[in-house]
Amino acid sequence: MRTMHGQGIGRLTVAQRLTRIEPDLQAIAHQLGDRVFLFGDTPRAADAGVGAILGAVMAAPAPTGLSRRVSGDAKLAAYVARCEAAMG
């Protein structure tokens, strides 16, 4: 937490952190559109990274505002499931 405070993120409230990440989550959903993966029907390196991060957020040991936000988004949750199925 000390490092998080030093770089600034630890100084933000939970609501401020969620507000800050929202455009990123929307950009991922927008990029997905109707695609299976970020750039088409085949997973790429970007999907390995983005899918893994979103999956880790969803698998948080205790529910958080962010884990609820990602899990509650049908498009993002389905994307994570597809990434896990395709890439393990």
Protein backbone atom coordinates (compact mmCIF):
# COMPACT_ATOMS: atom_id res chain seq x y z
CA MET A 1 0.00 0.00 0.00
CA ARG A 2 2.90 2.34 0.66
CA THR A 3 3.97 2.14 -2.98
CA MET A 4 0.39 2.61 -4.15
CA HIS A 5 0.18 5.74 -2.02
CA GLY A 6 3.49 6.98 -3.39
CA GLN A 7 2.41 6.65 -7.01
CA GLY A 8 -0.98 8.19 -6.27
CA ILE A 9 -3.46 5.34 -6.76
CA GLY A 10 -3.58 4.69 -3.01
CA ARG A 11 -4.75 8.26 -2.48
CA LEU A 12 -7.90 7.71 -4.51
CA THR A 13 -11.16 6.50 -3.03
CA VAL A 14 -12.69 3.29 -4.33
CA ALA A 15 -15.23 5.35 -6.29
CA GLN A 16 -12.46 7.44 -7.83
CA ARG A 17 -10.52 4.33 -8.84
CA LEU A 18 -13.62 2.84 -10.47
CA THR A 19 -14.28 6.11 -12.28
CA ARG A 20 -10.68 6.13 -13.50
CA ILE A 21 -10.79 2.58 -14.91
CA GLU A 22 -14.26 2.82 -16.47
CA PRO A 23 -13.06 4.30 -19.80
CA ASP A 24 -10.59 1.42 -20.13
CA LEU A 25 -13.30 -1.19 -19.56
CA GLN A 26 -15.54 0.58 -22.06
CA ALA A 27 -12.70 0.67 -24.60
CA ILE A 28 -12.19 -3.09 -24.25
CA ALA A 29 -15.90 -3.73 -24.70
CA HIS A 30 -15.99 -1.37 -27.70
CA GLN A 31 -12.98 -3.07 -29.31
CA LEU A 32 -14.66 -6.44 -28.83
CA GLY A 33 -17.82 -5.28 -30.55
CA ASP A 34 -19.31 -8.47 -31.96
CA ARG A 35 -15.93 -10.18 -32.26
CA VAL A 36 -15.00 -13.32 -30.37
CA PHE A 37 -11.61 -11.85 -29.42
CA LEU A 38 -10.15 -8.36 -29.57
CA PHE A 39 -8.98 -8.66 -33.18
CA GLY A 40 -11.17 -11.36 -34.66
CA ASP A 41 -11.98 -15.03 -34.26
CA THR A 42 -8.50 -16.11 -33.16
CA PRO A 43 -6.95 -15.15 -29.83
CA ARG A 44 -3.83 -13.01 -30.06
CA ALA A 45 -1.20 -11.89 -27.56
CA ALA A 46 -3.41 -8.95 -26.59
CA ASP A 47 -6.19 -11.36 -25.60
CA ALA A 48 -3.75 -13.36 -23.49
CA GLY A 49 -2.87 -10.23 -21.54
CA VAL A 50 -6.25 -8.51 -21.34
CA GLY A 51 -8.19 -11.72 -20.75
CA ALA A 52 -5.82 -12.78 -17.97
CA ILE A 53 -6.03 -9.42 -16.20
CA LEU A 54 -9.82 -9.30 -16.41
CA GLY A 55 -9.98 -12.93 -15.27
CA ALA A 56 -7.79 -12.13 -12.27
CA VAL A 57 -10.05 -9.19 -11.41
CA MET A 58 -13.12 -11.43 -11.58
CA ALA A 59 -11.41 -14.07 -9.41
CA ALA A 60 -10.61 -11.68 -6.56
CA PRO A 61 -10.76 -13.60 -3.26
CA ALA A 62 -13.25 -11.08 -1.90
CA PRO A 63 -15.78 -9.15 -3.98
CA THR A 64 -14.70 -5.62 -4.84
CA GLY A 65 -16.32 -2.84 -6.77
CA LEU A 66 -14.08 -3.66 -9.71
CA SER A 67 -14.69 -7.42 -9.58
CA ARG A 68 -18.44 -6.80 -9.46
CA ARG A 69 -18.18 -4.34 -12.35
CA VAL A 70 -16.32 -6.78 -14.61
CA SER A 71 -18.34 -9.85 -13.57
CA GLY A 72 -21.57 -7.94 -14.06
CA ASP A 73 -20.70 -6.92 -17.61
CA ALA A 74 -22.05 -9.66 -19.86
CA LYS A 75 -19.69 -8.82 -22.73
CA LEU A 76 -16.54 -8.72 -20.58
CA ALA A 77 -17.46 -11.80 -18.54
CA ALA A 78 -18.17 -13.80 -21.71
CA TYR A 79 -14.88 -12.60 -23.20
CA VAL A 80 -12.98 -13.80 -20.14
CA ALA A 81 -14.70 -17.19 -20.41
CA ARG A 82 -13.75 -17.45 -24.09
CA CYS A 83 -10.13 -16.52 -23.32
CA GLU A 84 -9.94 -19.13 -20.57
CA ALA A 85 -11.45 -21.78 -22.84
CA ALA A 86 -9.12 -20.96 -25.73
CA MET A 87 -5.91 -20.37 -23.82
CA GLY A 88 -6.37 -22.15 -20.51
